[in-house]
Amino acid sequence: MNSNKPHIEKLIARKLSGDITAFETEELFNWIAQSGDNAQLYKNTMHTLGNTFMGGHKNIVWSKIEDKTILTLHKKPLISKVLRKKIWRIAAMLAIIALFPLALGELGEDDMGNGFVHTVRGNDITTSLYLPDNSVIILSRGSSISYNDQYAESNRELLLEGKAYIEINENESKYPMVVTSGSRCTILRSGKITINGKADGLDVAVKEGEATVVDTAYKKVVIPAFKLIPASKTNQNKVTISLLENSKVRQGQFVSYTASGNRNKSEDLDQCETFSWKDRIFCFKNLKQHELAYKMADWYGKHVEFKGQMDPYTNYSGSFDDPSVRDFIQQVFGNKVASVKESKHKITIIFS
């Protein structure tokens, strides 16, 4: 493999322009995987060339607009007026082109110059989208997922904040999907999986298929060749543990990681609580009143306050298909409720 710097810069430039072939992509990432120095050089080069590439593209666009603006200064008033209208139309068309990707999320260049990053945010109970490989993502309220515009067969990397249900299209690529959340990443090849990246840890539940959870402090995932290489070779912490079989989560299993690194795997997977939310079914089991208040706040996206005669002993369980606030309260609490007040940001329930 030709590993001289000009050749590598050429490959990176082709990657930024979108003209890189599958063979060249594999060649580039094999070179990156050889050493930590190569990985750092790749990042630096991507940053430099990425800024140059995007800067050049922006300059071309604005120079065209500027040229048309200068022309209008030398024409008669009527012609100037007509040309100004054309300029506004051009500007409007450019704005539409720029804003079109925002139909699904936000668009912005990442800090390493790796092209654009698409971010989709969950602003409702559920927010659904298709990835470029036709995999399905369903986000819960308040969650977000990001992917690079290089996301393709050889680069299926996602950044998740919050909770998402993922149905992987395994027919589109021979490479796995890598979902990073906090200090861990979940490697998926096929199946239907819920991943919940919380502030205090990570939960992974597998409905179909299999997943592997990797602590990125110990292992570094290199795409597209999909190699797990020791973190010490990428200038990270020295490897003290290996990727063991118990890192795998199989169908019907649930694993929970705490921020301190503790791990708990269970075969007792509650399908309703873990997966039904994606179909807008509100499920819960054996919750006290105050616990149910937190659950309602997450579901409806509002602050929930209970007042009046509280019942600290009753456990509440149920499954409700996309319930409105008042229907839910009526079915769960019945005649125990004296009144309900609902505003844009708050739900107040007064018990009799």
Protein backbone atom coordinates (compact mmCIF):
# COMPACT_ATOMS: atom_id res chain seq x y z
CA MET A 1 0.00 0.00 0.00
CA ASN A 2 1.26 3.46 -0.91
CA SER A 3 1.49 5.26 2.45
CA ASN A 4 3.30 8.46 1.48
CA LYS A 5 1.71 11.68 2.67
CA PRO A 6 0.73 13.12 -0.76
CA HIS A 7 -1.07 9.88 -1.62
CA ILE A 8 -2.94 9.88 1.70
CA GLU A 9 -3.88 13.54 1.25
CA LYS A 10 -5.22 12.67 -2.20
CA LEU A 11 -7.38 9.89 -0.72
CA ILE A 12 -8.70 12.23 1.97
CA ALA A 13 -9.50 14.89 -0.64
CA ARG A 14 -11.42 12.29 -2.66
CA LYS A 15 -13.27 11.26 0.51
CA LEU A 16 -14.31 14.87 1.15
CA SER A 17 -15.51 15.32 -2.43
CA GLY A 18 -17.46 12.05 -2.35
CA ASP A 19 -15.49 10.54 -5.27
CA ILE A 20 -13.62 7.92 -3.24
CA THR A 21 -14.07 4.29 -4.28
CA ALA A 22 -14.69 1.33 -1.97
CA PHE A 23 -11.14 0.07 -2.57
CA GLU A 24 -9.64 3.49 -1.78
CA THR A 25 -11.78 3.76 1.36
CA GLU A 26 -10.52 0.43 2.65
CA GLU A 27 -6.94 1.40 1.76
CA LEU A 28 -7.30 4.68 3.68
CA PHE A 29 -8.73 3.13 6.83
CA ASN A 30 -6.25 0.25 6.81
CA TRP A 31 -3.52 2.88 6.85
CA ILE A 32 -5.23 4.66 9.77
CA ALA A 33 -5.41 1.40 11.75
CA GLN A 34 -1.66 0.82 11.49
CA SER A 35 -0.70 3.27 14.24
CA GLY A 36 -1.84 6.04 16.50
CA ASP A 37 0.39 8.49 14.61
CA ASN A 38 -1.45 7.67 11.39
CA ALA A 39 -4.80 8.21 13.11
CA GLN A 40 -3.68 11.62 14.40
CA LEU A 41 -2.26 12.60 11.00
CA TYR A 42 -5.58 11.61 9.40
CA LYS A 43 -7.51 13.82 11.83
CA ASN A 44 -5.21 16.79 11.25
CA THR A 45 -5.29 16.41 7.47
CA MET A 46 -9.08 16.03 7.45
CA HIS A 47 -9.36 19.20 9.49
CA THR A 48 -7.07 21.20 7.17
CA LEU A 49 -8.42 19.89 3.87
CA GLY A 50 -11.99 19.97 5.15
CA ASN A 51 -11.77 23.67 5.96
CA THR A 52 -10.12 24.35 2.59
CA PHE A 53 -12.76 22.34 0.72
CA MET A 54 -15.74 23.97 2.45
CA GLY A 55 -14.17 27.42 2.29
CA GLY A 56 -13.59 27.09 -1.45
CA HIS A 57 -17.16 25.91 -2.01
CA LYS A 58 -18.59 28.85 -0.06
CA ASN A 59 -16.34 31.35 -1.88
CA ILE A 60 -17.54 30.10 -5.27
CA VAL A 61 -21.20 30.52 -4.30
CA TRP A 62 -20.75 34.01 -2.86
CA SER A 63 -18.52 35.19 -5.69
CA LYS A 64 -21.31 34.40 -8.17
CA ILE A 65 -23.77 36.48 -6.15
CA GLU A 66 -21.23 39.30 -5.78
CA ASP A 67 -20.57 39.38 -9.54
CA LYS A 68 -24.28 39.76 -10.28
CA THR A 69 -24.56 42.52 -7.67
CA ILE A 70 -21.70 44.49 -9.27
CA LEU A 71 -23.33 44.20 -12.69
CA THR A 72 -26.48 45.91 -11.46
CA LEU A 73 -24.54 49.05 -10.51
CA HIS A 74 -23.73 49.80 -14.15
CA LYS A 75 -27.20 49.31 -15.64
CA LYS A 76 -30.16 51.64 -15.99
CA PRO A 77 -32.52 51.84 -12.98
CA LEU A 78 -35.17 49.58 -14.55
CA ILE A 79 -32.64 46.91 -15.50
CA SER A 80 -31.05 47.24 -12.06
CA LYS A 81 -34.43 46.62 -10.44
CA VAL A 82 -35.03 43.51 -12.57
CA LEU A 83 -31.58 42.13 -11.84
CA ARG A 84 -32.02 42.73 -8.12
CA LYS A 85 -35.18 40.62 -8.25
CA LYS A 86 -33.20 37.88 -9.97
CA ILE A 87 -30.53 38.09 -7.30
CA TRP A 88 -33.14 37.68 -4.59
CA ARG A 89 -34.55 34.68 -6.43
CA ILE A 90 -31.09 33.15 -6.66
CA ALA A 91 -30.51 33.82 -2.96
CA ALA A 92 -33.88 32.25 -2.13
CA MET A 93 -33.05 29.17 -4.22
CA LEU A 94 -29.68 28.84 -2.49
CA ALA A 95 -31.41 29.12 0.88
CA ILE A 96 -33.88 26.39 -0.07
CA ILE A 97 -31.04 24.12 -1.21
CA ALA A 98 -29.16 24.77 2.03
CA LEU A 99 -32.23 24.23 4.21
CA PHE A 100 -33.57 21.13 2.45
CA PRO A 101 -31.55 18.67 4.61
CA LEU A 102 -33.06 20.35 7.67
CA ALA A 103 -36.35 18.61 6.91
CA LEU A 104 -35.04 15.78 9.05
CA GLY A 105 -32.66 17.58 11.38
CA GLU A 106 -29.87 20.09 11.76
CA LEU A 107 -26.92 20.45 9.44
CA GLY A 108 -23.43 21.57 10.34
CA GLU A 109 -19.78 20.82 9.69
CA ASP A 110 -18.05 18.74 12.35
CA ASP A 111 -14.92 20.00 14.10
CA MET A 112 -12.59 17.70 12.14
CA GLY A 113 -13.72 18.78 8.69
CA ASN A 114 -15.43 15.48 7.93
CA GLY A 115 -18.10 17.09 5.78
CA PHE A 116 -21.54 17.78 7.21
CA VAL A 117 -23.11 16.21 10.29
CA HIS A 118 -26.85 15.57 10.24
CA THR A 119 -28.56 15.69 13.63
CA VAL A 120 -32.15 14.61 14.17
CA ARG A 121 -33.85 15.51 17.46
CA GLY A 122 -36.87 13.89 19.06
CA ASN A 123 -39.35 16.69 19.73
CA ASP A 124 -42.42 14.47 20.15
CA ILE A 125 -43.21 11.23 21.99
CA THR A 126 -41.57 9.47 19.04
CA THR A 127 -39.67 10.79 16.01
CA SER A 128 -38.97 8.40 13.12
CA LEU A 129 -36.40 8.60 10.32
CA TYR A 130 -34.68 6.48 7.70
CA LEU A 131 -30.89 6.45 7.51
CA PRO A 132 -29.13 6.47 4.11
CA ASP A 133 -28.80 2.65 4.32
CA ASN A 134 -32.60 2.36 4.88
CA SER A 135 -32.21 1.36 8.52
CA VAL A 136 -35.04 2.70 10.71
CA ILE A 137 -34.46 4.91 13.77
CA ILE A 138 -37.20 5.88 16.24
CA LEU A 139 -36.16 8.48 18.82
CA SER A 140 -37.87 9.09 22.13
CA ARG A 141 -38.70 12.63 23.26
CA GLY A 142 -35.62 14.72 24.01
CA SER A 143 -33.19 12.31 22.31
CA SER A 144 -30.97 13.01 19.30
CA ILE A 145 -28.92 11.05 16.81
CA SER A 146 -26.16 12.30 14.50
CA TYR A 147 -24.43 10.88 11.46
CA ASN A 148 -21.82 12.16 9.04
CA ASP A 149 -22.66 12.79 5.39
CA GLN A 150 -20.07 10.10 4.66
CA TYR A 151 -22.48 7.58 6.24
CA ALA A 152 -22.55 4.79 3.67
CA GLU A 153 -21.79 1.13 3.23
CA SER A 154 -18.28 1.52 4.63
CA ASN A 155 -19.03 4.08 7.33
CA ARG A 156 -22.08 3.38 9.47
CA GLU A 157 -21.26 5.42 12.56
CA LEU A 158 -23.91 7.11 14.72
CA LEU A 159 -23.75 9.32 17.80
CA LEU A 160 -26.71 8.88 20.14
CA GLU A 161 -27.85 11.06 23.02
CA GLY A 162 -30.86 9.59 24.79
CA LYS A 163 -32.99 6.62 23.72
CA ALA A 164 -33.51 5.12 20.28
CA TYR A 165 -35.08 2.02 18.76
CA ILE A 166 -33.10 0.76 15.76
CA GLU A 167 -34.11 -1.68 13.03
CA ILE A 168 -30.99 -2.46 11.02
CA ASN A 169 -31.09 -3.04 7.28
CA GLU A 170 -28.48 -5.78 7.03
CA ASN A 171 -28.83 -6.13 3.25
CA GLU A 172 -27.31 -2.73 2.47
CA SER A 173 -23.82 -3.28 3.86
CA LYS A 174 -21.43 -5.98 4.93
CA TYR A 175 -20.09 -3.63 7.60
CA PRO A 176 -21.62 -3.25 11.08
CA MET A 177 -23.38 -0.22 12.49
CA VAL A 178 -21.54 1.45 15.39
CA VAL A 179 -23.65 3.53 17.80
CA THR A 180 -21.60 5.60 20.25
CA SER A 181 -23.25 6.86 23.42
CA GLY A 182 -21.06 8.37 26.12
CA SER A 183 -17.94 6.29 26.77
CA ARG A 184 -19.37 3.14 25.16
CA CYS A 185 -20.30 2.06 21.69
CA THR A 186 -22.73 -0.64 20.62
CA ILE A 187 -21.80 -2.67 17.53
CA LEU A 188 -24.74 -4.04 15.55
CA ARG A 189 -24.92 -6.21 12.46
CA SER A 190 -28.62 -7.01 12.31
CA GLY A 191 -31.79 -7.06 14.37
CA LYS A 192 -34.07 -4.78 16.36
CA ILE A 193 -32.54 -3.08 19.38
CA THR A 194 -33.28 -0.34 21.93
CA ILE A 195 -30.31 1.70 23.18
CA ASN A 196 -30.72 4.19 26.01
CA GLY A 197 -27.73 6.42 26.64
CA LYS A 198 -28.37 7.95 30.06
CA ALA A 199 -26.35 10.44 32.06
CA ASP A 200 -25.54 7.72 34.59
CA GLY A 201 -24.90 4.83 32.18
CA LEU A 202 -26.10 2.84 29.20
CA ASP A 203 -28.95 0.34 28.67
CA VAL A 204 -29.07 -2.04 25.70
CA ALA A 205 -32.04 -4.36 25.03
CA VAL A 206 -32.13 -6.78 22.08
CA LYS A 207 -35.47 -7.77 20.58
CA GLU A 208 -33.94 -9.59 17.62
CA GLY A 209 -30.34 -10.26 16.62
CA GLU A 210 -27.21 -9.55 18.66
CA ALA A 211 -25.15 -6.60 19.86
CA THR A 212 -21.65 -6.12 21.26
CA VAL A 213 -21.02 -3.34 23.79
CA VAL A 214 -17.48 -1.93 23.88
CA ASP A 215 -15.96 0.47 26.39
CA THR A 216 -14.03 2.87 24.16
CA ALA A 217 -11.55 3.57 26.96
CA TYR A 218 -10.15 0.09 26.31
CA LYS A 219 -10.91 -0.60 22.67
CA LYS A 220 -10.98 1.56 19.57
CA VAL A 221 -13.39 0.72 16.74
CA VAL A 222 -11.94 1.39 13.29
CA ILE A 223 -14.33 1.68 10.35
CA PRO A 224 -14.76 0.37 7.65
CA ALA A 225 -12.48 -2.62 8.15
CA PHE A 226 -14.24 -3.17 11.52
CA LYS A 227 -11.21 -3.96 13.61
CA LEU A 228 -11.08 -3.80 17.38
CA ILE A 229 -7.54 -2.70 18.12
CA PRO A 230 -5.96 -2.08 21.54
CA ALA A 231 -6.51 1.45 22.72
CA SER A 232 -2.82 1.70 23.60
CA LYS A 233 -2.08 1.72 19.87
CA THR A 234 -4.27 4.78 19.44
CA ASN A 235 -2.57 6.67 22.30
CA GLN A 236 -5.40 5.91 24.71
CA ASN A 237 -5.37 4.17 28.09
CA LYS A 238 -3.49 0.89 28.28
CA VAL A 239 -5.67 -2.14 27.66
CA THR A 240 -6.37 -4.04 30.88
CA ILE A 241 -9.28 -6.21 29.74
CA SER A 242 -10.10 -8.04 26.51
CA LEU A 243 -13.30 -8.09 24.51
CA LEU A 244 -14.95 -11.07 26.19
CA GLU A 245 -17.97 -13.11 25.23
CA ASN A 246 -19.98 -11.45 28.00
CA SER A 247 -19.79 -8.18 26.07
CA LYS A 248 -22.39 -9.63 23.73
CA VAL A 249 -26.12 -9.03 24.23
CA ARG A 250 -28.35 -11.56 22.50
CA GLN A 251 -32.02 -11.78 21.64
CA GLY A 252 -34.24 -11.40 24.69
CA GLN A 253 -31.41 -10.02 26.85
CA PHE A 254 -31.04 -6.67 28.58
CA VAL A 255 -27.77 -5.20 29.84
CA SER A 256 -27.27 -2.09 31.95
CA TYR A 257 -23.96 -0.26 32.53
CA THR A 258 -23.47 2.34 35.24
CA ALA A 259 -21.20 5.37 34.90
CA SER A 260 -18.73 3.69 37.28
CA GLY A 261 -18.46 0.65 34.99
CA ASN A 262 -20.70 -1.80 36.84
CA ARG A 263 -22.59 -4.14 34.54
CA ASN A 264 -25.84 -6.05 35.00
CA LYS A 265 -27.22 -8.46 32.39
CA SER A 266 -30.71 -9.94 32.61
CA GLU A 267 -32.75 -12.49 30.66
CA ASP A 268 -35.96 -11.06 32.13
CA LEU A 269 -36.72 -8.52 29.41
CA ASP A 270 -39.97 -6.58 29.76
CA GLN A 271 -41.07 -6.26 26.13
CA CYS A 272 -43.80 -3.72 26.91
CA GLU A 273 -41.69 -1.22 28.84
CA THR A 274 -38.61 -1.68 26.64
CA PHE A 275 -40.04 -1.67 23.13
CA SER A 276 -43.71 -0.60 23.08
CA TRP A 277 -42.89 3.10 23.51
CA LYS A 278 -41.84 3.14 19.84
CA ASP A 279 -45.49 2.46 18.93
CA ARG A 280 -46.59 5.25 21.32
CA ILE A 281 -47.83 2.76 23.91
CA PHE A 282 -47.31 4.07 27.46
CA CYS A 283 -46.22 1.09 29.60
CA PHE A 284 -45.19 0.91 33.25
CA LYS A 285 -45.21 -1.64 36.03
CA ASN A 286 -45.38 -1.43 39.85
CA LEU A 287 -44.74 2.29 40.20
CA LYS A 288 -45.52 4.42 43.24
CA GLN A 289 -47.27 7.75 42.73
CA HIS A 290 -44.09 9.82 42.74
CA GLU A 291 -42.41 7.37 40.34
CA LEU A 292 -45.39 7.59 37.99
CA ALA A 293 -45.11 11.40 38.07
CA TYR A 294 -41.56 11.17 36.68
CA LYS A 295 -42.72 8.68 34.04
CA MET A 296 -45.54 11.01 32.98
CA ALA A 297 -43.15 13.96 32.77
CA ASP A 298 -40.91 12.04 30.35
CA TRP A 299 -43.87 10.87 28.27
CA TYR A 300 -45.71 14.18 27.93
CA GLY A 301 -42.66 16.44 27.99
CA LYS A 302 -44.05 18.56 30.83
CA HIS A 303 -43.43 19.07 34.52
CA VAL A 304 -45.91 16.97 36.55
CA GLU A 305 -47.04 17.96 40.05
CA PHE A 306 -49.29 15.95 42.41
CA LYS A 307 -51.20 17.80 45.15
CA GLY A 308 -53.73 16.89 47.81
CA GLN A 309 -54.31 13.52 49.48
CA MET A 310 -51.46 11.29 48.31
CA ASP A 311 -51.39 7.48 48.39
CA PRO A 312 -47.84 6.24 49.13
CA TYR A 313 -48.77 2.54 49.23
CA THR A 314 -50.54 1.73 45.95
CA ASN A 315 -48.51 0.35 43.03
CA TYR A 316 -49.63 1.33 39.54
CA SER A 317 -49.24 -0.75 36.37
CA GLY A 318 -50.73 -0.34 32.93
CA SER A 319 -50.44 -0.16 29.17
CA PHE A 320 -52.12 2.71 27.30
CA ASP A 321 -52.22 3.35 23.54
CA ASP A 322 -51.12 6.96 22.92
CA PRO A 323 -53.30 8.39 25.72
CA SER A 324 -54.19 12.06 26.13
CA VAL A 325 -53.36 13.59 29.52
CA ARG A 326 -56.94 13.64 30.81
CA ASP A 327 -57.84 10.18 29.50
CA PHE A 328 -54.73 8.74 31.11
CA ILE A 329 -55.42 10.37 34.49
CA GLN A 330 -59.05 9.26 34.43
CA GLN A 331 -58.17 5.62 33.65
CA VAL A 332 -55.35 5.38 36.20
CA PHE A 333 -56.70 7.37 39.15
CA GLY A 334 -60.46 7.48 38.51
CA ASN A 335 -62.51 9.32 41.16
CA LYS A 336 -59.43 9.92 43.35
CA VAL A 337 -58.77 13.08 41.31
CA ALA A 338 -60.56 16.31 42.22
CA SER A 339 -59.23 18.41 39.32
CA VAL A 340 -56.60 18.56 36.59
CA LYS A 341 -54.83 21.69 35.35
CA GLU A 342 -52.77 21.52 32.16
CA SER A 343 -50.68 24.33 30.70
CA LYS A 344 -48.04 24.45 28.00
CA HIS A 345 -45.28 23.35 30.36
CA LYS A 346 -46.98 21.81 33.39
CA ILE A 347 -49.59 19.24 34.47
CA THR A 348 -51.06 19.64 37.97
CA ILE A 349 -53.18 16.84 39.45
CA ILE A 350 -55.11 17.59 42.65
CA PHE A 351 -56.25 14.52 44.56
CA SER A 352 -59.37 14.64 46.74
